[in-house]
Amino acid sequence: MKVGGGSDSPWRELEGDIIACRQCPRLVEWREEIAAQKRRAFSDWEYWGKPVPGFGDHEARLLIIGLAPGAHGSNRTGRMFTGDSSGDTLFAAMYRAGFANKPVARESGDGLKLPDAFLTAVGRCVPPKNRPTAEELANCQPYLLREIELLRRVSVVLALGQIAFDGYLRALQGQGLEIPRLKFAHGLWHDFAPPTPSLVACYHPSRQNTQTGRLTEEMMDAVFSRIRNALQIGMDQA
């Protein structure tokens, strides 16, 4: 199993290109301002303050796509969904489903592994008010396309939130595929003609959704349970 930061050259090149990206002036200014000002609770941290590459198993059959780094989560730690409440919810659910080797992720280098899963986002820099513009998302799309190209075994894609869902569909269209307009609703499952992976919609595990009860632990578990079952069926049929 090859994981994020692996030794193969295409992954190293992609990660380097993502980290060095400065295409969006608004996002560059915002991510660096946050990294300089910091949050009082993390005053002793040296914030990452750069675009965040994807993370996980390079042989994954499950691709999970989020929105963008959190201001004091990924923008601080440099790893997707690491160090904030959204990641707490997501990694705990992944752990219960067997897609993570530990339920909590506080910082990079903590030994977290995502067996059979790869975690990324449609946006690589923290956006003001968590709202990237269409142009900013378009600038990031080639990075997602390159990840999809390298992740040759993916059979299920889990989109966390409407923006991630729409961004993945645009990525498929960017590959030249004819994709119909699809509905986003939590737990909804869309199948495509092989070899295009199935697409699963899920509410984003943001504090806004979890604290209001819009997304519960049981709802997350149901999504991951169905994905796990689908992957097992696929393995049995192979």
C-alpha atoms as a PDB file:
ATOM      1  CA  MET A   1       0.000   0.000   0.000  1.00  0.00           C
ATOM      2  CA  LYS A   2       1.418   3.346  -1.059  1.00  0.00           C
ATOM      3  CA  VAL A   3       0.287   6.304   1.003  1.00  0.00           C
ATOM      4  CA  GLY A   4       0.482  10.072   0.746  1.00  0.00           C
ATOM      5  CA  GLY A   5       4.045  11.257   0.285  1.00  0.00           C
ATOM      6  CA  GLY A   6       4.900   8.009  -1.517  1.00  0.00           C
ATOM      7  CA  SER A   7       8.134   7.390  -3.327  1.00  0.00           C
ATOM      8  CA  ASP A   8       6.774   7.286  -6.873  1.00  0.00           C
ATOM      9  CA  SER A   9       7.681  10.255  -9.039  1.00  0.00           C
ATOM     10  CA  PRO A  10       4.226  11.201 -10.464  1.00  0.00           C
ATOM     11  CA  TRP A  11       2.848  11.660  -6.949  1.00  0.00           C
ATOM     12  CA  ARG A  12       5.869  13.650  -5.783  1.00  0.00           C
ATOM     13  CA  GLU A  13       5.593  15.875  -8.835  1.00  0.00           C
ATOM     14  CA  LEU A  14       1.869  16.444  -8.324  1.00  0.00           C
ATOM     15  CA  GLU A  15       2.253  17.248  -4.643  1.00  0.00           C
ATOM     16  CA  GLY A  16       5.062  19.668  -5.443  1.00  0.00           C
ATOM     17  CA  ASP A  17       2.963  21.435  -8.070  1.00  0.00           C
ATOM     18  CA  ILE A  18       0.025  21.784  -5.663  1.00  0.00           C
ATOM     19  CA  ILE A  19       2.122  23.123  -2.794  1.00  0.00           C
ATOM     20  CA  ALA A  20       3.868  25.671  -5.035  1.00  0.00           C
ATOM     21  CA  CYS A  21       0.636  26.951  -6.621  1.00  0.00           C
ATOM     22  CA  ARG A  22      -0.063  30.702  -6.414  1.00  0.00           C
ATOM     23  CA  GLN A  23      -2.681  31.020  -9.166  1.00  0.00           C
ATOM     24  CA  CYS A  24      -5.369  32.712  -7.065  1.00  0.00           C
ATOM     25  CA  PRO A  25      -4.217  36.032  -5.499  1.00  0.00           C
ATOM     26  CA  ARG A  26      -7.218  36.272  -3.156  1.00  0.00           C
ATOM     27  CA  LEU A  27      -6.580  32.793  -1.736  1.00  0.00           C
ATOM     28  CA  VAL A  28      -2.820  33.290  -1.458  1.00  0.00           C
ATOM     29  CA  GLU A  29      -3.359  36.476   0.543  1.00  0.00           C
ATOM     30  CA  TRP A  30      -6.013  34.918   2.775  1.00  0.00           C
ATOM     31  CA  ARG A  31      -4.189  31.658   3.578  1.00  0.00           C
ATOM     32  CA  GLU A  32      -0.967  33.527   4.387  1.00  0.00           C
ATOM     33  CA  GLU A  33      -2.770  36.123   6.521  1.00  0.00           C
ATOM     34  CA  ILE A  34      -4.353  33.359   8.596  1.00  0.00           C
ATOM     35  CA  ALA A  35      -0.990  31.609   8.909  1.00  0.00           C
ATOM     36  CA  ALA A  36       0.616  34.822  10.158  1.00  0.00           C
ATOM     37  CA  GLN A  37      -2.119  35.880  12.577  1.00  0.00           C
ATOM     38  CA  LYS A  38      -2.941  32.359  13.874  1.00  0.00           C
ATOM     39  CA  ARG A  39      -5.594  31.471  16.408  1.00  0.00           C
ATOM     40  CA  ARG A  40      -4.669  32.016  20.053  1.00  0.00           C
ATOM     41  CA  ALA A  41      -5.083  28.299  20.823  1.00  0.00           C
ATOM     42  CA  PHE A  42      -2.451  27.521  18.192  1.00  0.00           C
ATOM     43  CA  SER A  43      -0.079  30.415  18.799  1.00  0.00           C
ATOM     44  CA  ASP A  44       2.862  28.038  19.207  1.00  0.00           C
ATOM     45  CA  TRP A  45       2.220  26.403  15.813  1.00  0.00           C
ATOM     46  CA  GLU A  46       4.022  27.194  12.586  1.00  0.00           C
ATOM     47  CA  TYR A  47       1.057  27.209  10.220  1.00  0.00           C
ATOM     48  CA  TRP A  48       1.317  25.420   6.885  1.00  0.00           C
ATOM     49  CA  GLY A  49      -0.247  28.352   5.005  1.00  0.00           C
ATOM     50  CA  LYS A  50       0.060  26.754   1.547  1.00  0.00           C
ATOM     51  CA  PRO A  51      -2.160  24.693  -0.776  1.00  0.00           C
ATOM     52  CA  VAL A  52      -2.893  21.220   0.626  1.00  0.00           C
ATOM     53  CA  PRO A  53      -2.323  18.069  -1.472  1.00  0.00           C
ATOM     54  CA  GLY A  54      -4.439  14.939  -1.223  1.00  0.00           C
ATOM     55  CA  PHE A  55      -3.601  12.228   1.287  1.00  0.00           C
ATOM     56  CA  GLY A  56      -4.083   8.491   1.596  1.00  0.00           C
ATOM     57  CA  ASP A  57      -3.669   5.160  -0.143  1.00  0.00           C
ATOM     58  CA  HIS A  58      -2.453   5.445  -3.734  1.00  0.00           C
ATOM     59  CA  GLU A  59      -4.094   2.082  -4.468  1.00  0.00           C
ATOM     60  CA  ALA A  60      -7.418   3.165  -2.949  1.00  0.00           C
ATOM     61  CA  ARG A  61     -10.792   2.024  -4.227  1.00  0.00           C
ATOM     62  CA  LEU A  62     -12.540   4.848  -2.347  1.00  0.00           C
ATOM     63  CA  LEU A  63     -11.913   8.496  -3.222  1.00  0.00           C
ATOM     64  CA  ILE A  64     -13.315  11.053  -0.746  1.00  0.00           C
ATOM     65  CA  ILE A  65     -13.629  14.656  -1.932  1.00  0.00           C
ATOM     66  CA  GLY A  66     -14.222  17.620   0.345  1.00  0.00           C
ATOM     67  CA  LEU A  67     -14.581  21.361  -0.202  1.00  0.00           C
ATOM     68  CA  ALA A  68     -11.310  23.031   0.822  1.00  0.00           C
ATOM     69  CA  PRO A  69      -8.883  23.280   3.756  1.00  0.00           C
ATOM     70  CA  GLY A  70     -10.144  24.707   7.044  1.00  0.00           C
ATOM     71  CA  ALA A  71      -8.579  27.957   8.226  1.00  0.00           C
ATOM     72  CA  HIS A  72      -7.140  26.462  11.422  1.00  0.00           C
ATOM     73  CA  GLY A  73      -7.328  22.817  10.350  1.00  0.00           C
ATOM     74  CA  SER A  74      -5.602  21.855   7.101  1.00  0.00           C
ATOM     75  CA  ASN A  75      -4.263  25.372   6.560  1.00  0.00           C
ATOM     76  CA  ARG A  76      -2.474  24.899   9.888  1.00  0.00           C
ATOM     77  CA  THR A  77      -1.471  21.228   9.710  1.00  0.00           C
ATOM     78  CA  GLY A  78      -0.891  20.804   5.966  1.00  0.00           C
ATOM     79  CA  ARG A  79      -2.978  17.634   5.706  1.00  0.00           C
ATOM     80  CA  MET A  80      -6.551  17.247   4.505  1.00  0.00           C
ATOM     81  CA  PHE A  81      -9.231  17.395   7.232  1.00  0.00           C
ATOM     82  CA  THR A  82      -6.585  17.269   9.965  1.00  0.00           C
ATOM     83  CA  GLY A  83      -6.890  19.373  13.096  1.00  0.00           C
ATOM     84  CA  ASP A  84     -10.490  20.580  13.093  1.00  0.00           C
ATOM     85  CA  SER A  85     -14.000  19.404  13.998  1.00  0.00           C
ATOM     86  CA  SER A  86     -14.876  18.352  10.437  1.00  0.00           C
ATOM     87  CA  GLY A  87     -11.907  16.008  10.453  1.00  0.00           C
ATOM     88  CA  ASP A  88     -12.857  14.717  13.893  1.00  0.00           C
ATOM     89  CA  THR A  89     -16.237  13.634  12.539  1.00  0.00           C
ATOM     90  CA  LEU A  90     -14.894  12.268   9.268  1.00  0.00           C
ATOM     91  CA  PHE A  91     -11.941  10.267  10.603  1.00  0.00           C
ATOM     92  CA  ALA A  92     -14.014   8.757  13.412  1.00  0.00           C
ATOM     93  CA  ALA A  93     -16.527   7.506  10.827  1.00  0.00           C
ATOM     94  CA  MET A  94     -13.746   6.244   8.553  1.00  0.00           C
ATOM     95  CA  TYR A  95     -12.173   4.431  11.504  1.00  0.00           C
ATOM     96  CA  ARG A  96     -15.448   2.710  12.388  1.00  0.00           C
ATOM     97  CA  ALA A  97     -15.751   1.578   8.758  1.00  0.00           C
ATOM     98  CA  GLY A  98     -12.145   0.381   8.506  1.00  0.00           C
ATOM     99  CA  PHE A  99     -10.915   3.189   6.230  1.00  0.00           C
ATOM    100  CA  ALA A 100      -8.608   4.739   8.863  1.00  0.00           C
ATOM    101  CA  ASN A 101      -6.223   3.148  11.352  1.00  0.00           C
ATOM    102  CA  LYS A 102      -7.120   5.642  14.116  1.00  0.00           C
ATOM    103  CA  PRO A 103     -10.207   7.747  14.908  1.00  0.00           C
ATOM    104  CA  VAL A 104      -8.462  11.058  15.591  1.00  0.00           C
ATOM    105  CA  ALA A 105      -6.085  13.138  13.455  1.00  0.00           C
ATOM    106  CA  ARG A 106      -4.492  16.184  15.045  1.00  0.00           C
ATOM    107  CA  GLU A 107      -1.327  16.754  13.008  1.00  0.00           C
ATOM    108  CA  SER A 108       0.615  15.362  10.086  1.00  0.00           C
ATOM    109  CA  GLY A 109       3.201  12.782  11.018  1.00  0.00           C
ATOM    110  CA  ASP A 110       0.896  11.189  13.604  1.00  0.00           C
ATOM    111  CA  GLY A 111       0.920   7.793  11.897  1.00  0.00           C
ATOM    112  CA  LEU A 112      -2.540   8.113  10.383  1.00  0.00           C
ATOM    113  CA  LYS A 113      -3.129   5.762   7.456  1.00  0.00           C
ATOM    114  CA  LEU A 114      -6.205   5.458   5.258  1.00  0.00           C
ATOM    115  CA  PRO A 115      -6.306   1.871   3.988  1.00  0.00           C
ATOM    116  CA  ASP A 116      -8.202   1.678   0.680  1.00  0.00           C
ATOM    117  CA  ALA A 117      -9.131   5.385   0.813  1.00  0.00           C
ATOM    118  CA  PHE A 118      -7.721   8.631  -0.562  1.00  0.00           C
ATOM    119  CA  LEU A 119      -8.814  12.031   0.732  1.00  0.00           C
ATOM    120  CA  THR A 120      -8.726  15.237  -1.303  1.00  0.00           C
ATOM    121  CA  ALA A 121     -10.743  18.394  -2.053  1.00  0.00           C
ATOM    122  CA  VAL A 122     -11.958  20.467  -4.976  1.00  0.00           C
ATOM    123  CA  GLY A 123     -10.187  23.514  -3.502  1.00  0.00           C
ATOM    124  CA  ARG A 124      -6.621  23.403  -2.173  1.00  0.00           C
ATOM    125  CA  CYS A 125      -6.445  26.721  -0.302  1.00  0.00           C
ATOM    126  CA  VAL A 126      -8.638  27.957   2.529  1.00  0.00           C
ATOM    127  CA  PRO A 127     -11.177  30.411   1.045  1.00  0.00           C
ATOM    128  CA  PRO A 128     -12.673  33.400   2.873  1.00  0.00           C
ATOM    129  CA  LYS A 129     -16.000  32.380   4.472  1.00  0.00           C
ATOM    130  CA  ASN A 130     -15.464  28.873   3.027  1.00  0.00           C
ATOM    131  CA  ARG A 131     -16.641  30.135  -0.348  1.00  0.00           C
ATOM    132  CA  PRO A 132     -14.214  29.667  -3.238  1.00  0.00           C
ATOM    133  CA  THR A 133     -15.185  31.389  -6.479  1.00  0.00           C
ATOM    134  CA  ALA A 134     -15.951  29.494  -9.665  1.00  0.00           C
ATOM    135  CA  GLU A 135     -12.665  30.731 -11.143  1.00  0.00           C
ATOM    136  CA  GLU A 136     -10.700  29.529  -8.100  1.00  0.00           C
ATOM    137  CA  LEU A 137     -12.294  26.093  -8.296  1.00  0.00           C
ATOM    138  CA  ALA A 138     -11.525  25.969 -12.020  1.00  0.00           C
ATOM    139  CA  ASN A 139      -7.876  26.745 -11.270  1.00  0.00           C
ATOM    140  CA  CYS A 140      -7.777  23.769  -8.867  1.00  0.00           C
ATOM    141  CA  GLN A 141      -9.577  21.316 -11.136  1.00  0.00           C
ATOM    142  CA  PRO A 142      -6.444  20.114 -12.985  1.00  0.00           C
ATOM    143  CA  TYR A 143      -4.999  18.900  -9.680  1.00  0.00           C
ATOM    144  CA  LEU A 144      -8.081  16.789  -8.999  1.00  0.00           C
ATOM    145  CA  LEU A 145      -7.952  15.431 -12.543  1.00  0.00           C
ATOM    146  CA  ARG A 146      -4.319  14.430 -12.085  1.00  0.00           C
ATOM    147  CA  GLU A 147      -5.162  12.651  -8.823  1.00  0.00           C
ATOM    148  CA  ILE A 148      -8.013  10.809 -10.517  1.00  0.00           C
ATOM    149  CA  GLU A 149      -5.629   9.739 -13.277  1.00  0.00           C
ATOM    150  CA  LEU A 150      -3.162   8.346 -10.767  1.00  0.00           C
ATOM    151  CA  LEU A 151      -5.818   6.627  -8.629  1.00  0.00           C
ATOM    152  CA  ARG A 152      -6.426   3.809 -11.086  1.00  0.00           C
ATOM    153  CA  ARG A 153      -8.335   1.462  -8.753  1.00  0.00           C
ATOM    154  CA  VAL A 154     -11.072   3.822  -7.535  1.00  0.00           C
ATOM    155  CA  SER A 155     -14.564   2.369  -7.867  1.00  0.00           C
ATOM    156  CA  VAL A 156     -16.495   4.651  -5.486  1.00  0.00           C
ATOM    157  CA  VAL A 157     -16.258   8.428  -5.043  1.00  0.00           C
ATOM    158  CA  LEU A 158     -17.747  10.024  -1.923  1.00  0.00           C
ATOM    159  CA  ALA A 159     -18.498  13.733  -2.310  1.00  0.00           C
ATOM    160  CA  LEU A 160     -18.785  15.667   0.961  1.00  0.00           C
ATOM    161  CA  GLY A 161     -21.192  18.507   0.237  1.00  0.00           C
ATOM    162  CA  GLN A 162     -22.777  20.069  -2.824  1.00  0.00           C
ATOM    163  CA  ILE A 163     -19.682  21.996  -3.939  1.00  0.00           C
ATOM    164  CA  ALA A 164     -17.522  18.864  -3.875  1.00  0.00           C
ATOM    165  CA  PHE A 165     -20.273  16.938  -5.659  1.00  0.00           C
ATOM    166  CA  ASP A 166     -20.558  19.526  -8.447  1.00  0.00           C
ATOM    167  CA  GLY A 167     -16.776  19.889  -8.641  1.00  0.00           C
ATOM    168  CA  TYR A 168     -16.307  16.177  -9.210  1.00  0.00           C
ATOM    169  CA  LEU A 169     -18.946  16.176 -11.942  1.00  0.00           C
ATOM    170  CA  ARG A 170     -17.129  19.057 -13.642  1.00  0.00           C
ATOM    171  CA  ALA A 171     -13.915  17.040 -13.370  1.00  0.00           C
ATOM    172  CA  LEU A 172     -15.607  14.123 -15.150  1.00  0.00           C
ATOM    173  CA  GLN A 173     -16.769  16.507 -17.853  1.00  0.00           C
ATOM    174  CA  GLY A 174     -13.186  17.762 -18.032  1.00  0.00           C
ATOM    175  CA  GLN A 175     -12.202  14.206 -18.893  1.00  0.00           C
ATOM    176  CA  GLY A 176     -14.538  14.380 -21.862  1.00  0.00           C
ATOM    177  CA  LEU A 177     -17.341  12.321 -20.314  1.00  0.00           C
ATOM    178  CA  GLU A 178     -20.972  13.200 -20.955  1.00  0.00           C
ATOM    179  CA  ILE A 179     -22.487  13.518 -17.498  1.00  0.00           C
ATOM    180  CA  PRO A 180     -26.180  14.299 -16.992  1.00  0.00           C
ATOM    181  CA  ARG A 181     -27.340  16.793 -14.400  1.00  0.00           C
ATOM    182  CA  LEU A 182     -27.482  14.843 -11.157  1.00  0.00           C
ATOM    183  CA  LYS A 183     -29.271  15.512  -7.893  1.00  0.00           C
ATOM    184  CA  PHE A 184     -27.370  16.039  -4.646  1.00  0.00           C
ATOM    185  CA  ALA A 185     -29.044  14.546  -1.580  1.00  0.00           C
ATOM    186  CA  HIS A 186     -27.475  12.890   1.415  1.00  0.00           C
ATOM    187  CA  GLY A 187     -26.910   9.184   0.828  1.00  0.00           C
ATOM    188  CA  LEU A 188     -27.918   9.315  -2.825  1.00  0.00           C
ATOM    189  CA  TRP A 189     -25.943   6.867  -4.971  1.00  0.00           C
ATOM    190  CA  HIS A 190     -25.267   7.448  -8.680  1.00  0.00           C
ATOM    191  CA  ASP A 191     -23.916   4.689 -10.914  1.00  0.00           C
ATOM    192  CA  PHE A 192     -22.221   5.276 -14.263  1.00  0.00           C
ATOM    193  CA  ALA A 193     -21.159   3.029 -17.081  1.00  0.00           C
ATOM    194  CA  PRO A 194     -17.857   1.288 -16.231  1.00  0.00           C
ATOM    195  CA  PRO A 195     -15.098   2.171 -15.689  1.00  0.00           C
ATOM    196  CA  THR A 196     -16.403   5.456 -14.242  1.00  0.00           C
ATOM    197  CA  PRO A 197     -16.706   5.054 -10.433  1.00  0.00           C
ATOM    198  CA  SER A 198     -20.027   5.272  -8.623  1.00  0.00           C
ATOM    199  CA  LEU A 199     -20.699   8.631  -6.966  1.00  0.00           C
ATOM    200  CA  VAL A 200     -22.134   8.932  -3.459  1.00  0.00           C
ATOM    201  CA  ALA A 201     -23.453  12.196  -2.025  1.00  0.00           C
ATOM    202  CA  CYS A 202     -22.997  13.040   1.659  1.00  0.00           C
ATOM    203  CA  TYR A 203     -23.514  16.156   3.717  1.00  0.00           C
ATOM    204  CA  HIS A 204     -20.235  17.809   4.629  1.00  0.00           C
ATOM    205  CA  PRO A 205     -19.144  16.948   8.210  1.00  0.00           C
ATOM    206  CA  SER A 206     -18.894  20.618   9.130  1.00  0.00           C
ATOM    207  CA  ARG A 207     -19.734  21.828  12.603  1.00  0.00           C
ATOM    208  CA  GLN A 208     -22.710  23.656  11.117  1.00  0.00           C
ATOM    209  CA  ASN A 209     -24.160  20.323   9.973  1.00  0.00           C
ATOM    210  CA  THR A 210     -23.186  18.134  12.926  1.00  0.00           C
ATOM    211  CA  GLN A 211     -24.178  20.547  15.687  1.00  0.00           C
ATOM    212  CA  THR A 212     -27.597  21.184  14.154  1.00  0.00           C
ATOM    213  CA  GLY A 213     -28.294  17.475  13.690  1.00  0.00           C
ATOM    214  CA  ARG A 214     -28.467  17.765   9.913  1.00  0.00           C
ATOM    215  CA  LEU A 215     -25.682  15.172   9.813  1.00  0.00           C
ATOM    216  CA  THR A 216     -25.494  12.574  12.567  1.00  0.00           C
ATOM    217  CA  GLU A 217     -22.997   9.843  13.401  1.00  0.00           C
ATOM    218  CA  GLU A 218     -25.574   7.270  12.333  1.00  0.00           C
ATOM    219  CA  MET A 219     -26.004   8.962   8.949  1.00  0.00           C
ATOM    220  CA  MET A 220     -22.255   8.962   8.338  1.00  0.00           C
ATOM    221  CA  ASP A 221     -21.985   5.331   9.388  1.00  0.00           C
ATOM    222  CA  ALA A 222     -24.776   4.331   7.017  1.00  0.00           C
ATOM    223  CA  VAL A 223     -22.970   5.947   4.077  1.00  0.00           C
ATOM    224  CA  PHE A 224     -19.648   4.284   4.867  1.00  0.00           C
ATOM    225  CA  SER A 225     -21.318   0.952   5.563  1.00  0.00           C
ATOM    226  CA  ARG A 226     -22.912   0.930   2.128  1.00  0.00           C
ATOM    227  CA  ILE A 227     -19.599   1.860   0.518  1.00  0.00           C
ATOM    228  CA  ARG A 228     -17.799  -0.903   2.421  1.00  0.00           C
ATOM    229  CA  ASN A 229     -20.425  -3.425   1.315  1.00  0.00           C
ATOM    230  CA  ALA A 230     -20.178  -2.306  -2.312  1.00  0.00           C
ATOM    231  CA  LEU A 231     -16.401  -2.655  -2.282  1.00  0.00           C
ATOM    232  CA  GLN A 232     -16.690  -6.115  -0.756  1.00  0.00           C
ATOM    233  CA  ILE A 233     -19.188  -7.184  -3.410  1.00  0.00           C
ATOM    234  CA  GLY A 234     -16.853  -5.851  -6.086  1.00  0.00           C
ATOM    235  CA  MET A 235     -13.984  -7.849  -4.599  1.00  0.00           C
ATOM    236  CA  ASP A 236     -16.103 -11.012  -4.448  1.00  0.00           C
ATOM    237  CA  GLN A 237     -17.083 -10.606  -8.098  1.00  0.00           C
ATOM    238  CA  ALA A 238     -13.541  -9.895  -9.316  1.00  0.00           C
END
